[in-house]
Amino acid sequence: MVRPYTITRGRTAPERDDLTLITVLTTVQDPADPGGRQSARLQPEHRVILDRCRHPAAVAEVAADLDLPVSVTKILLGDLIAQGLLLARAPLSVARASGGMDIGLLTAVRDGLRRL
């Protein structure tokens, strides 16, 4: 077992504060690195993230796949975004919202959580 602070090189908080549990991530195919030479220098966790995000995935899904805390996963995601290897965007339903929250959706989520 590797300690989370080892994976994050001692960092305890992500540099980005815009990553939420439902932020959608997608791997960027770097045309300048077609053979994956840059990704060969990454930590194993970074490579797993890039492989997982070949198809859009939420931050929560990536953290679950890595079996790491969300806070640690956000630090790793921030590394990849800063290197231009990963794209992050708000989910379409959030991105399309023009200022108001969908009360029906929030109510359904609340009711679902209560049933748990």
PDB file of N, CA and C in Angstrom:
ATOM      1  N   MET A   1       0.845  -1.184   0.000  1.00  0.00           N
ATOM      2  CA  MET A   1       0.000   0.000   0.000  1.00  0.00           C
ATOM      3  C   MET A   1       0.889   1.246   0.000  1.00  0.00           C
ATOM      4  N   VAL A   2       0.579   2.155  -0.881  1.00  0.00           N
ATOM      5  CA  VAL A   2       1.305   3.417  -0.975  1.00  0.00           C
ATOM      6  C   VAL A   2       0.477   4.500  -0.303  1.00  0.00           C
ATOM      7  N   ARG A   3       1.099   5.284   0.542  1.00  0.00           N
ATOM      8  CA  ARG A   3       0.403   6.370   1.238  1.00  0.00           C
ATOM      9  C   ARG A   3      -0.003   7.458   0.252  1.00  0.00           C
ATOM     10  N   PRO A   4      -1.192   8.054   0.451  1.00  0.00           N
ATOM     11  CA  PRO A   4      -1.644   9.108  -0.470  1.00  0.00           C
ATOM     12  C   PRO A   4      -0.676  10.274  -0.596  1.00  0.00           C
ATOM     13  N   TYR A   5      -0.001  10.671   0.483  1.00  0.00           N
ATOM     14  CA  TYR A   5       0.915  11.811   0.374  1.00  0.00           C
ATOM     15  C   TYR A   5       2.122  11.466  -0.491  1.00  0.00           C
ATOM     16  N   THR A   6       2.426  10.179  -0.637  1.00  0.00           N
ATOM     17  CA  THR A   6       3.503   9.767  -1.534  1.00  0.00           C
ATOM     18  C   THR A   6       3.049   9.913  -2.987  1.00  0.00           C
ATOM     19  N   ILE A   7       1.824   9.522  -3.248  1.00  0.00           N
ATOM     20  CA  ILE A   7       1.278   9.619  -4.604  1.00  0.00           C
ATOM     21  C   ILE A   7       1.197  11.074  -5.052  1.00  0.00           C
ATOM     22  N   THR A   8       0.857  11.958  -4.127  1.00  0.00           N
ATOM     23  CA  THR A   8       0.686  13.378  -4.472  1.00  0.00           C
ATOM     24  C   THR A   8       1.958  14.194  -4.238  1.00  0.00           C
ATOM     25  N   ARG A   9       3.045  13.523  -3.906  1.00  0.00           N
ATOM     26  CA  ARG A   9       4.331  14.182  -3.623  1.00  0.00           C
ATOM     27  C   ARG A   9       4.199  15.198  -2.488  1.00  0.00           C
ATOM     28  N   GLY A  10       3.468  14.834  -1.457  1.00  0.00           N
ATOM     29  CA  GLY A  10       3.337  15.669  -0.274  1.00  0.00           C
ATOM     30  C   GLY A  10       2.261  16.729  -0.332  1.00  0.00           C
ATOM     31  N   ARG A  11       1.612  16.887  -1.469  1.00  0.00           N
ATOM     32  CA  ARG A  11       0.560  17.904  -1.567  1.00  0.00           C
ATOM     33  C   ARG A  11      -0.705  17.401  -0.890  1.00  0.00           C
ATOM     34  N   THR A  12      -1.370  18.292  -0.180  1.00  0.00           N
ATOM     35  CA  THR A  12      -2.573  17.888   0.553  1.00  0.00           C
ATOM     36  C   THR A  12      -3.853  18.511   0.017  1.00  0.00           C
ATOM     37  N   ALA A  13      -3.719  19.448  -0.898  1.00  0.00           N
ATOM     38  CA  ALA A  13      -4.910  20.106  -1.458  1.00  0.00           C
ATOM     39  C   ALA A  13      -4.691  20.334  -2.951  1.00  0.00           C
ATOM     40  N   PRO A  14      -5.752  20.187  -3.737  1.00  0.00           N
ATOM     41  CA  PRO A  14      -5.622  20.427  -5.176  1.00  0.00           C
ATOM     42  C   PRO A  14      -5.404  21.903  -5.473  1.00  0.00           C
ATOM     43  N   GLU A  15      -4.677  22.182  -6.542  1.00  0.00           N
ATOM     44  CA  GLU A  15      -4.456  23.570  -6.951  1.00  0.00           C
ATOM     45  C   GLU A  15      -5.711  24.158  -7.585  1.00  0.00           C
ATOM     46  N   ARG A  16      -6.538  23.306  -8.139  1.00  0.00           N
ATOM     47  CA  ARG A  16      -7.775  23.751  -8.787  1.00  0.00           C
ATOM     48  C   ARG A  16      -8.940  23.574  -7.827  1.00  0.00           C
ATOM     49  N   ASP A  17      -9.837  24.555  -7.812  1.00  0.00           N
ATOM     50  CA  ASP A  17     -11.022  24.420  -6.975  1.00  0.00           C
ATOM     51  C   ASP A  17     -12.293  24.247  -7.801  1.00  0.00           C
ATOM     52  N   ASP A  18     -12.130  24.064  -9.111  1.00  0.00           N
ATOM     53  CA  ASP A  18     -13.293  23.929  -9.987  1.00  0.00           C
ATOM     54  C   ASP A  18     -13.667  22.475 -10.259  1.00  0.00           C
ATOM     55  N   LEU A  19     -12.948  21.521  -9.685  1.00  0.00           N
ATOM     56  CA  LEU A  19     -13.272  20.114  -9.899  1.00  0.00           C
ATOM     57  C   LEU A  19     -14.273  19.666  -8.839  1.00  0.00           C
ATOM     58  N   THR A  20     -15.453  19.286  -9.298  1.00  0.00           N
ATOM     59  CA  THR A  20     -16.479  18.757  -8.402  1.00  0.00           C
ATOM     60  C   THR A  20     -16.608  17.260  -8.651  1.00  0.00           C
ATOM     61  N   LEU A  21     -17.446  16.605  -7.890  1.00  0.00           N
ATOM     62  CA  LEU A  21     -17.629  15.162  -8.075  1.00  0.00           C
ATOM     63  C   LEU A  21     -18.215  14.822  -9.440  1.00  0.00           C
ATOM     64  N   ILE A  22     -18.946  15.764 -10.028  1.00  0.00           N
ATOM     65  CA  ILE A  22     -19.605  15.481 -11.308  1.00  0.00           C
ATOM     66  C   ILE A  22     -18.925  16.152 -12.495  1.00  0.00           C
ATOM     67  N   THR A  23     -17.750  16.738 -12.283  1.00  0.00           N
ATOM     68  CA  THR A  23     -16.997  17.301 -13.398  1.00  0.00           C
ATOM     69  C   THR A  23     -16.619  16.154 -14.332  1.00  0.00           C
ATOM     70  N   VAL A  24     -16.823  16.348 -15.625  1.00  0.00           N
ATOM     71  CA  VAL A  24     -16.561  15.303 -16.617  1.00  0.00           C
ATOM     72  C   VAL A  24     -15.147  15.484 -17.169  1.00  0.00           C
ATOM     73  N   LEU A  25     -14.420  14.381 -17.230  1.00  0.00           N
ATOM     74  CA  LEU A  25     -13.027  14.386 -17.675  1.00  0.00           C
ATOM     75  C   LEU A  25     -12.873  13.561 -18.943  1.00  0.00           C
ATOM     76  N   THR A  26     -12.021  14.037 -19.841  1.00  0.00           N
ATOM     77  CA  THR A  26     -11.751  13.333 -21.081  1.00  0.00           C
ATOM     78  C   THR A  26     -10.268  13.443 -21.401  1.00  0.00           C
ATOM     79  N   THR A  27      -9.670  12.334 -21.814  1.00  0.00           N
ATOM     80  CA  THR A  27      -8.270  12.325 -22.203  1.00  0.00           C
ATOM     81  C   THR A  27      -8.096  13.087 -23.508  1.00  0.00           C
ATOM     82  N   VAL A  28      -7.017  13.867 -23.580  1.00  0.00           N
ATOM     83  CA  VAL A  28      -6.675  14.601 -24.793  1.00  0.00           C
ATOM     84  C   VAL A  28      -5.630  13.792 -25.541  1.00  0.00           C
ATOM     85  N   GLN A  29      -5.861  13.559 -26.802  1.00  0.00           N
ATOM     86  CA  GLN A  29      -4.844  12.901 -27.623  1.00  0.00           C
ATOM     87  C   GLN A  29      -3.868  13.964 -28.070  1.00  0.00           C
ATOM     88  N   ASP A  30      -2.674  13.934 -27.545  1.00  0.00           N
ATOM     89  CA  ASP A  30      -1.665  14.944 -27.841  1.00  0.00           C
ATOM     90  C   ASP A  30      -1.019  14.634 -29.189  1.00  0.00           C
ATOM     91  N   PRO A  31      -1.273  15.461 -30.218  1.00  0.00           N
ATOM     92  CA  PRO A  31      -0.695  15.179 -31.526  1.00  0.00           C
ATOM     93  C   PRO A  31       0.828  15.284 -31.518  1.00  0.00           C
ATOM     94  N   ALA A  32       1.397  16.026 -30.573  1.00  0.00           N
ATOM     95  CA  ALA A  32       2.855  16.166 -30.506  1.00  0.00           C
ATOM     96  C   ALA A  32       3.494  14.940 -29.845  1.00  0.00           C
ATOM     97  N   ASP A  33       2.691  14.074 -29.259  1.00  0.00           N
ATOM     98  CA  ASP A  33       3.209  12.904 -28.562  1.00  0.00           C
ATOM     99  C   ASP A  33       2.443  11.654 -28.988  1.00  0.00           C
ATOM    100  N   PRO A  34       2.477  11.302 -30.286  1.00  0.00           N
ATOM    101  CA  PRO A  34       1.663  10.196 -30.762  1.00  0.00           C
ATOM    102  C   PRO A  34       2.072   8.836 -30.203  1.00  0.00           C
ATOM    103  N   GLY A  35       3.331   8.679 -29.825  1.00  0.00           N
ATOM    104  CA  GLY A  35       3.781   7.396 -29.309  1.00  0.00           C
ATOM    105  C   GLY A  35       3.609   7.254 -27.819  1.00  0.00           C
ATOM    106  N   GLY A  36       3.125   8.285 -27.141  1.00  0.00           N
ATOM    107  CA  GLY A  36       2.908   8.216 -25.714  1.00  0.00           C
ATOM    108  C   GLY A  36       4.184   8.378 -24.902  1.00  0.00           C
ATOM    109  N   ARG A  37       5.192   9.016 -25.479  1.00  0.00           N
ATOM    110  CA  ARG A  37       6.461   9.188 -24.760  1.00  0.00           C
ATOM    111  C   ARG A  37       6.284  10.025 -23.495  1.00  0.00           C
ATOM    112  N   GLN A  38       5.450  11.064 -23.569  1.00  0.00           N
ATOM    113  CA  GLN A  38       5.228  11.903 -22.386  1.00  0.00           C
ATOM    114  C   GLN A  38       4.523  11.109 -21.295  1.00  0.00           C
ATOM    115  N   SER A  39       3.557  10.294 -21.674  1.00  0.00           N
ATOM    116  CA  SER A  39       2.818   9.524 -20.673  1.00  0.00           C
ATOM    117  C   SER A  39       3.687   8.441 -20.038  1.00  0.00           C
ATOM    118  N   ALA A  40       4.773   8.072 -20.680  1.00  0.00           N
ATOM    119  CA  ALA A  40       5.677   7.070 -20.097  1.00  0.00           C
ATOM    120  C   ALA A  40       6.373   7.617 -18.860  1.00  0.00           C
ATOM    121  N   ARG A  41       6.470   8.935 -18.737  1.00  0.00           N
ATOM    122  CA  ARG A  41       7.132   9.546 -17.584  1.00  0.00           C
ATOM    123  C   ARG A  41       6.173   9.803 -16.425  1.00  0.00           C
ATOM    124  N   LEU A  42       4.922   9.468 -16.586  1.00  0.00           N
ATOM    125  CA  LEU A  42       3.920   9.723 -15.554  1.00  0.00           C
ATOM    126  C   LEU A  42       3.902   8.619 -14.506  1.00  0.00           C
ATOM    127  N   GLN A  43       3.343   8.949 -13.342  1.00  0.00           N
ATOM    128  CA  GLN A  43       3.133   7.950 -12.298  1.00  0.00           C
ATOM    129  C   GLN A  43       2.091   6.942 -12.786  1.00  0.00           C
ATOM    130  N   PRO A  44       2.092   5.741 -12.207  1.00  0.00           N
ATOM    131  CA  PRO A  44       1.102   4.731 -12.622  1.00  0.00           C
ATOM    132  C   PRO A  44      -0.343   5.223 -12.464  1.00  0.00           C
ATOM    133  N   GLU A  45      -0.618   5.972 -11.401  1.00  0.00           N
ATOM    134  CA  GLU A  45      -1.975   6.482 -11.180  1.00  0.00           C
ATOM    135  C   GLU A  45      -2.382   7.450 -12.284  1.00  0.00           C
ATOM    136  N   HIS A  46      -1.446   8.266 -12.743  1.00  0.00           N
ATOM    137  CA  HIS A  46      -1.735   9.182 -13.847  1.00  0.00           C
ATOM    138  C   HIS A  46      -2.079   8.395 -15.112  1.00  0.00           C
ATOM    139  N   ARG A  47      -1.349   7.334 -15.371  1.00  0.00           N
ATOM    140  CA  ARG A  47      -1.617   6.522 -16.576  1.00  0.00           C
ATOM    141  C   ARG A  47      -2.982   5.845 -16.481  1.00  0.00           C
ATOM    142  N   VAL A  48      -3.353   5.388 -15.272  1.00  0.00           N
ATOM    143  CA  VAL A  48      -4.674   4.772 -15.090  1.00  0.00           C
ATOM    144  C   VAL A  48      -5.769   5.799 -15.366  1.00  0.00           C
ATOM    145  N   ILE A  49      -5.570   7.018 -14.885  1.00  0.00           N
ATOM    146  CA  ILE A  49      -6.557   8.081 -15.116  1.00  0.00           C
ATOM    147  C   ILE A  49      -6.700   8.349 -16.609  1.00  0.00           C
ATOM    148  N   LEU A  50      -5.585   8.477 -17.310  1.00  0.00           N
ATOM    149  CA  LEU A  50      -5.642   8.757 -18.753  1.00  0.00           C
ATOM    150  C   LEU A  50      -6.338   7.625 -19.497  1.00  0.00           C
ATOM    151  N   ASP A  51      -6.070   6.395 -19.106  1.00  0.00           N
ATOM    152  CA  ASP A  51      -6.715   5.263 -19.750  1.00  0.00           C
ATOM    153  C   ASP A  51      -8.212   5.255 -19.452  1.00  0.00           C
ATOM    154  N   ARG A  52      -8.582   5.524 -18.200  1.00  0.00           N
ATOM    155  CA  ARG A  52      -9.994   5.533 -17.796  1.00  0.00           C
ATOM    156  C   ARG A  52     -10.782   6.631 -18.496  1.00  0.00           C
ATOM    157  N   CYS A  53     -10.123   7.759 -18.731  1.00  0.00           N
ATOM    158  CA  CYS A  53     -10.813   8.922 -19.291  1.00  0.00           C
ATOM    159  C   CYS A  53     -10.789   8.960 -20.818  1.00  0.00           C
ATOM    160  N   ARG A  54     -10.418   7.852 -21.450  1.00  0.00           N
ATOM    161  CA  ARG A  54     -10.541   7.803 -22.922  1.00  0.00           C
ATOM    162  C   ARG A  54     -12.009   7.975 -23.316  1.00  0.00           C
ATOM    163  N   HIS A  55     -12.881   7.530 -22.430  1.00  0.00           N
ATOM    164  CA  HIS A  55     -14.313   7.788 -22.555  1.00  0.00           C
ATOM    165  C   HIS A  55     -14.658   8.714 -21.390  1.00  0.00           C
ATOM    166  N   PRO A  56     -15.514   9.703 -21.603  1.00  0.00           N
ATOM    167  CA  PRO A  56     -15.824  10.671 -20.534  1.00  0.00           C
ATOM    168  C   PRO A  56     -16.200   9.991 -19.219  1.00  0.00           C
ATOM    169  N   ALA A  57     -15.634  10.513 -18.133  1.00  0.00           N
ATOM    170  CA  ALA A  57     -15.893   9.967 -16.804  1.00  0.00           C
ATOM    171  C   ALA A  57     -15.937  11.111 -15.798  1.00  0.00           C
ATOM    172  N   ALA A  58     -16.742  10.956 -14.777  1.00  0.00           N
ATOM    173  CA  ALA A  58     -16.842  11.955 -13.710  1.00  0.00           C
ATOM    174  C   ALA A  58     -15.706  11.755 -12.707  1.00  0.00           C
ATOM    175  N   VAL A  59     -15.393  12.809 -11.987  1.00  0.00           N
ATOM    176  CA  VAL A  59     -14.344  12.753 -10.962  1.00  0.00           C
ATOM    177  C   VAL A  59     -14.630  11.626  -9.978  1.00  0.00           C
ATOM    178  N   ALA A  60     -15.873  11.487  -9.554  1.00  0.00           N
ATOM    179  CA  ALA A  60     -16.246  10.441  -8.593  1.00  0.00           C
ATOM    180  C   ALA A  60     -15.966   9.049  -9.158  1.00  0.00           C
ATOM    181  N   GLU A  61     -16.238   8.843 -10.437  1.00  0.00           N
ATOM    182  CA  GLU A  61     -15.979   7.546 -11.062  1.00  0.00           C
ATOM    183  C   GLU A  61     -14.487   7.240 -11.097  1.00  0.00           C
ATOM    184  N   VAL A  62     -13.688   8.240 -11.433  1.00  0.00           N
ATOM    185  CA  VAL A  62     -12.241   8.054 -11.507  1.00  0.00           C
ATOM    186  C   VAL A  62     -11.690   7.720 -10.121  1.00  0.00           C
ATOM    187  N   ALA A  63     -12.153   8.437  -9.094  1.00  0.00           N
ATOM    188  CA  ALA A  63     -11.694   8.174  -7.725  1.00  0.00           C
ATOM    189  C   ALA A  63     -12.057   6.746  -7.302  1.00  0.00           C
ATOM    190  N   ALA A  64     -13.253   6.305  -7.658  1.00  0.00           N
ATOM    191  CA  ALA A  64     -13.676   4.943  -7.317  1.00  0.00           C
ATOM    192  C   ALA A  64     -12.824   3.911  -8.043  1.00  0.00           C
ATOM    193  N   ASP A  65     -12.523   4.145  -9.308  1.00  0.00           N
ATOM    194  CA  ASP A  65     -11.689   3.216 -10.072  1.00  0.00           C
ATOM    195  C   ASP A  65     -10.273   3.135  -9.507  1.00  0.00           C
ATOM    196  N   LEU A  66      -9.745   4.266  -9.045  1.00  0.00           N
ATOM    197  CA  LEU A  66      -8.399   4.287  -8.467  1.00  0.00           C
ATOM    198  C   LEU A  66      -8.379   3.750  -7.040  1.00  0.00           C
ATOM    199  N   ASP A  67      -9.552   3.689  -6.401  1.00  0.00           N
ATOM    200  CA  ASP A  67      -9.666   3.321  -4.993  1.00  0.00           C
ATOM    201  C   ASP A  67      -8.836   4.267  -4.122  1.00  0.00           C
ATOM    202  N   LEU A  68      -8.952   5.562  -4.447  1.00  0.00           N
ATOM    203  CA  LEU A  68      -8.266   6.621  -3.709  1.00  0.00           C
ATOM    204  C   LEU A  68      -9.290   7.648  -3.245  1.00  0.00           C
ATOM    205  N   PRO A  69      -8.986   8.382  -2.177  1.00  0.00           N
ATOM    206  CA  PRO A  69      -9.891   9.459  -1.767  1.00  0.00           C
ATOM    207  C   PRO A  69     -10.053  10.495  -2.880  1.00  0.00           C
ATOM    208  N   VAL A  70     -11.205  11.133  -2.903  1.00  0.00           N
ATOM    209  CA  VAL A  70     -11.481  12.139  -3.930  1.00  0.00           C
ATOM    210  C   VAL A  70     -10.459  13.274  -3.873  1.00  0.00           C
ATOM    211  N   SER A  71     -10.052  13.672  -2.678  1.00  0.00           N
ATOM    212  CA  SER A  71      -9.086  14.767  -2.559  1.00  0.00           C
ATOM    213  C   SER A  71      -7.757  14.418  -3.224  1.00  0.00           C
ATOM    214  N   VAL A  72      -7.305  13.196  -3.081  1.00  0.00           N
ATOM    215  CA  VAL A  72      -6.063  12.752  -3.721  1.00  0.00           C
ATOM    216  C   VAL A  72      -6.260  12.685  -5.229  1.00  0.00           C
ATOM    217  N   THR A  73      -7.395  12.167  -5.648  1.00  0.00           N
ATOM    218  CA  THR A  73      -7.691  12.066  -7.080  1.00  0.00           C
ATOM    219  C   THR A  73      -7.723  13.443  -7.726  1.00  0.00           C
ATOM    220  N   LYS A  74      -8.294  14.432  -7.057  1.00  0.00           N
ATOM    221  CA  LYS A  74      -8.346  15.790  -7.608  1.00  0.00           C
ATOM    222  C   LYS A  74      -6.949  16.363  -7.807  1.00  0.00           C
ATOM    223  N   ILE A  75      -6.022  16.055  -6.922  1.00  0.00           N
ATOM    224  CA  ILE A  75      -4.650  16.530  -7.078  1.00  0.00           C
ATOM    225  C   ILE A  75      -4.029  15.913  -8.325  1.00  0.00           C
ATOM    226  N   LEU A  76      -4.226  14.615  -8.516  1.00  0.00           N
ATOM    227  CA  LEU A  76      -3.685  13.934  -9.696  1.00  0.00           C
ATOM    228  C   LEU A  76      -4.331  14.453 -10.981  1.00  0.00           C
ATOM    229  N   LEU A  77      -5.633  14.685 -10.925  1.00  0.00           N
ATOM    230  CA  LEU A  77      -6.336  15.222 -12.092  1.00  0.00           C
ATOM    231  C   LEU A  77      -5.809  16.605 -12.442  1.00  0.00           C
ATOM    232  N   GLY A  78      -5.576  17.431 -11.430  1.00  0.00           N
ATOM    233  CA  GLY A  78      -5.025  18.761 -11.657  1.00  0.00           C
ATOM    234  C   GLY A  78      -3.680  18.709 -12.350  1.00  0.00           C
ATOM    235  N   ASP A  79      -2.852  17.725 -11.984  1.00  0.00           N
ATOM    236  CA  ASP A  79      -1.558  17.549 -12.651  1.00  0.00           C
ATOM    237  C   ASP A  79      -1.741  17.318 -14.146  1.00  0.00           C
ATOM    238  N   LEU A  80      -2.662  16.409 -14.477  1.00  0.00           N
ATOM    239  CA  LEU A  80      -2.880  16.053 -15.885  1.00  0.00           C
ATOM    240  C   LEU A  80      -3.511  17.186 -16.674  1.00  0.00           C
ATOM    241  N   ILE A  81      -4.405  17.926 -16.040  1.00  0.00           N
ATOM    242  CA  ILE A  81      -5.023  19.077 -16.709  1.00  0.00           C
ATOM    243  C   ILE A  81      -3.965  20.139 -16.979  1.00  0.00           C
ATOM    244  N   ALA A  82      -3.104  20.391 -16.005  1.00  0.00           N
ATOM    245  CA  ALA A  82      -2.041  21.390 -16.163  1.00  0.00           C
ATOM    246  C   ALA A  82      -1.067  21.004 -17.274  1.00  0.00           C
ATOM    247  N   GLN A  83      -0.860  19.704 -17.475  1.00  0.00           N
ATOM    248  CA  GLN A  83       0.034  19.233 -18.529  1.00  0.00           C
ATOM    249  C   GLN A  83      -0.651  19.184 -19.892  1.00  0.00           C
ATOM    250  N   GLY A  84      -1.944  19.463 -19.917  1.00  0.00           N
ATOM    251  CA  GLY A  84      -2.677  19.447 -21.181  1.00  0.00           C
ATOM    252  C   GLY A  84      -3.034  18.057 -21.655  1.00  0.00           C
ATOM    253  N   LEU A  85      -3.009  17.082 -20.764  1.00  0.00           N
ATOM    254  CA  LEU A  85      -3.315  15.707 -21.141  1.00  0.00           C
ATOM    255  C   LEU A  85      -4.761  15.318 -20.851  1.00  0.00           C
ATOM    256  N   LEU A  86      -5.465  16.178 -20.110  1.00  0.00           N
ATOM    257  CA  LEU A  86      -6.832  15.881 -19.693  1.00  0.00           C
ATOM    258  C   LEU A  86      -7.666  17.146 -19.802  1.00  0.00           C
ATOM    259  N   LEU A  87      -8.907  16.995 -20.259  1.00  0.00           N
ATOM    260  CA  LEU A  87      -9.852  18.105 -20.318  1.00  0.00           C
ATOM    261  C   LEU A  87     -10.907  17.910 -19.237  1.00  0.00           C
ATOM    262  N   ALA A  88     -11.302  18.994 -18.605  1.00  0.00           N
ATOM    263  CA  ALA A  88     -12.354  18.955 -17.589  1.00  0.00           C
ATOM    264  C   ALA A  88     -13.450  19.930 -17.988  1.00  0.00           C
ATOM    265  N   ARG A  89     -14.695  19.488 -17.837  1.00  0.00           N
ATOM    266  CA  ARG A  89     -15.820  20.375 -18.124  1.00  0.00           C
ATOM    267  C   ARG A  89     -16.980  20.018 -17.216  1.00  0.00           C
ATOM    268  N   ALA A  90     -17.819  21.012 -17.008  1.00  0.00           N
ATOM    269  CA  ALA A  90     -19.024  20.769 -16.218  1.00  0.00           C
ATOM    270  C   ALA A  90     -19.945  19.844 -17.008  1.00  0.00           C
ATOM    271  N   PRO A  91     -20.744  19.031 -16.333  1.00  0.00           N
ATOM    272  CA  PRO A  91     -21.696  18.178 -17.064  1.00  0.00           C
ATOM    273  C   PRO A  91     -22.617  19.044 -17.905  1.00  0.00           C
ATOM    274  N   LEU A  92     -23.116  18.495 -18.990  1.00  0.00           N
ATOM    275  CA  LEU A  92     -23.944  19.264 -19.917  1.00  0.00           C
ATOM    276  C   LEU A  92     -25.138  19.903 -19.236  1.00  0.00           C
ATOM    277  N   SER A  93     -25.798  19.184 -18.333  1.00  0.00           N
ATOM    278  CA  SER A  93     -26.979  19.757 -17.675  1.00  0.00           C
ATOM    279  C   SER A  93     -26.601  20.968 -16.838  1.00  0.00           C
ATOM    280  N   VAL A  94     -25.424  20.964 -16.221  1.00  0.00           N
ATOM    281  CA  VAL A  94     -24.975  22.108 -15.434  1.00  0.00           C
ATOM    282  C   VAL A  94     -24.504  23.218 -16.363  1.00  0.00           C
ATOM    283  N   ALA A  95     -23.791  22.863 -17.408  1.00  0.00           N
ATOM    284  CA  ALA A  95     -23.270  23.855 -18.335  1.00  0.00           C
ATOM    285  C   ALA A  95     -24.399  24.590 -19.059  1.00  0.00           C
ATOM    286  N   ARG A  96     -25.490  23.910 -19.301  1.00  0.00           N
ATOM    287  CA  ARG A  96     -26.608  24.533 -20.021  1.00  0.00           C
ATOM    288  C   ARG A  96     -27.478  25.394 -19.111  1.00  0.00           C
ATOM    289  N   ALA A  97     -27.380  25.174 -17.834  1.00  0.00           N
ATOM    290  CA  ALA A  97     -28.202  25.956 -16.901  1.00  0.00           C
ATOM    291  C   ALA A  97     -27.844  27.430 -17.032  1.00  0.00           C
ATOM    292  N   SER A  98     -28.840  28.238 -17.118  1.00  0.00           N
ATOM    293  CA  SER A  98     -28.580  29.664 -17.352  1.00  0.00           C
ATOM    294  C   SER A  98     -28.679  30.477 -16.071  1.00  0.00           C
ATOM    295  N   GLY A  99     -28.607  29.870 -14.957  1.00  0.00           N
ATOM    296  CA  GLY A  99     -28.639  30.649 -13.730  1.00  0.00           C
ATOM    297  C   GLY A  99     -29.477  30.029 -12.640  1.00  0.00           C
ATOM    298  N   GLY A 100     -30.397  29.164 -12.971  1.00  0.00           N
ATOM    299  CA  GLY A 100     -31.241  28.569 -11.951  1.00  0.00           C
ATOM    300  C   GLY A 100     -30.987  27.090 -11.820  1.00  0.00           C
ATOM    301  N   MET A 101     -31.250  26.569 -10.642  1.00  0.00           N
ATOM    302  CA  MET A 101     -31.096  25.145 -10.412  1.00  0.00           C
ATOM    303  C   MET A 101     -32.408  24.456 -10.763  1.00  0.00           C
ATOM    304  N   ASP A 102     -32.320  23.237 -11.225  1.00  0.00           N
ATOM    305  CA  ASP A 102     -33.493  22.441 -11.542  1.00  0.00           C
ATOM    306  C   ASP A 102     -34.021  21.848 -10.235  1.00  0.00           C
ATOM    307  N   ILE A 103     -35.056  22.453  -9.698  1.00  0.00           N
ATOM    308  CA  ILE A 103     -35.607  22.038  -8.406  1.00  0.00           C
ATOM    309  C   ILE A 103     -36.118  20.603  -8.478  1.00  0.00           C
ATOM    310  N   GLY A 104     -36.674  20.199  -9.600  1.00  0.00           N
ATOM    311  CA  GLY A 104     -37.165  18.828  -9.749  1.00  0.00           C
ATOM    312  C   GLY A 104     -36.041  17.811  -9.618  1.00  0.00           C
ATOM    313  N   LEU A 105     -34.905  18.114 -10.234  1.00  0.00           N
ATOM    314  CA  LEU A 105     -33.753  17.219 -10.139  1.00  0.00           C
ATOM    315  C   LEU A 105     -33.219  17.170  -8.712  1.00  0.00           C
ATOM    316  N   LEU A 106     -33.112  18.325  -8.080  1.00  0.00           N
ATOM    317  CA  LEU A 106     -32.631  18.360  -6.698  1.00  0.00           C
ATOM    318  C   LEU A 106     -33.560  17.597  -5.759  1.00  0.00           C
ATOM    319  N   THR A 107     -34.839  17.711  -5.976  1.00  0.00           N
ATOM    320  CA  THR A 107     -35.820  16.996  -5.156  1.00  0.00           C
ATOM    321  C   THR A 107     -35.688  15.490  -5.358  1.00  0.00           C
ATOM    322  N   ALA A 108     -35.507  15.062  -6.601  1.00  0.00           N
ATOM    323  CA  ALA A 108     -35.349  13.632  -6.889  1.00  0.00           C
ATOM    324  C   ALA A 108     -34.084  13.082  -6.240  1.00  0.00           C
ATOM    325  N   VAL A 109     -33.004  13.846  -6.270  1.00  0.00           N
ATOM    326  CA  VAL A 109     -31.744  13.416  -5.641  1.00  0.00           C
ATOM    327  C   VAL A 109     -31.940  13.315  -4.127  1.00  0.00           C
ATOM    328  N   ARG A 110     -32.561  14.327  -3.535  1.00  0.00           N
ATOM    329  CA  ARG A 110     -32.821  14.298  -2.095  1.00  0.00           C
ATOM    330  C   ARG A 110     -33.648  13.096  -1.703  1.00  0.00           C
ATOM    331  N   ASP A 111     -34.724  12.831  -2.447  1.00  0.00           N
ATOM    332  CA  ASP A 111     -35.581  11.708  -2.142  1.00  0.00           C
ATOM    333  C   ASP A 111     -34.843  10.377  -2.286  1.00  0.00           C
ATOM    334  N   GLY A 112     -34.000  10.284  -3.317  1.00  0.00           N
ATOM    335  CA  GLY A 112     -33.199   9.077  -3.502  1.00  0.00           C
ATOM    336  C   GLY A 112     -32.230   8.848  -2.370  1.00  0.00           C
ATOM    337  N   LEU A 113     -31.614   9.916  -1.891  1.00  0.00           N
ATOM    338  CA  LEU A 113     -30.682   9.803  -0.770  1.00  0.00           C
ATOM    339  C   LEU A 113     -31.409   9.395   0.513  1.00  0.00           C
ATOM    340  N   ARG A 114     -32.587   9.897   0.707  1.00  0.00           N
ATOM    341  CA  ARG A 114     -33.360   9.517   1.901  1.00  0.00           C
ATOM    342  C   ARG A 114     -33.730   8.041   1.892  1.00  0.00           C
ATOM    343  N   ARG A 115     -33.955   7.500   0.697  1.00  0.00           N
ATOM    344  CA  ARG A 115     -34.320   6.076   0.601  1.00  0.00           C
ATOM    345  C   ARG A 115     -33.147   5.172   0.928  1.00  0.00           C
ATOM    346  N   LEU A 116     -31.923   5.683   0.797  1.00  0.00           N
ATOM    347  CA  LEU A 116     -30.753   4.873   1.115  1.00  0.00           C
ATOM    348  C   LEU A 116     -30.709   4.661   2.584  1.00  0.00           C
TER     349      LEU A 116
END
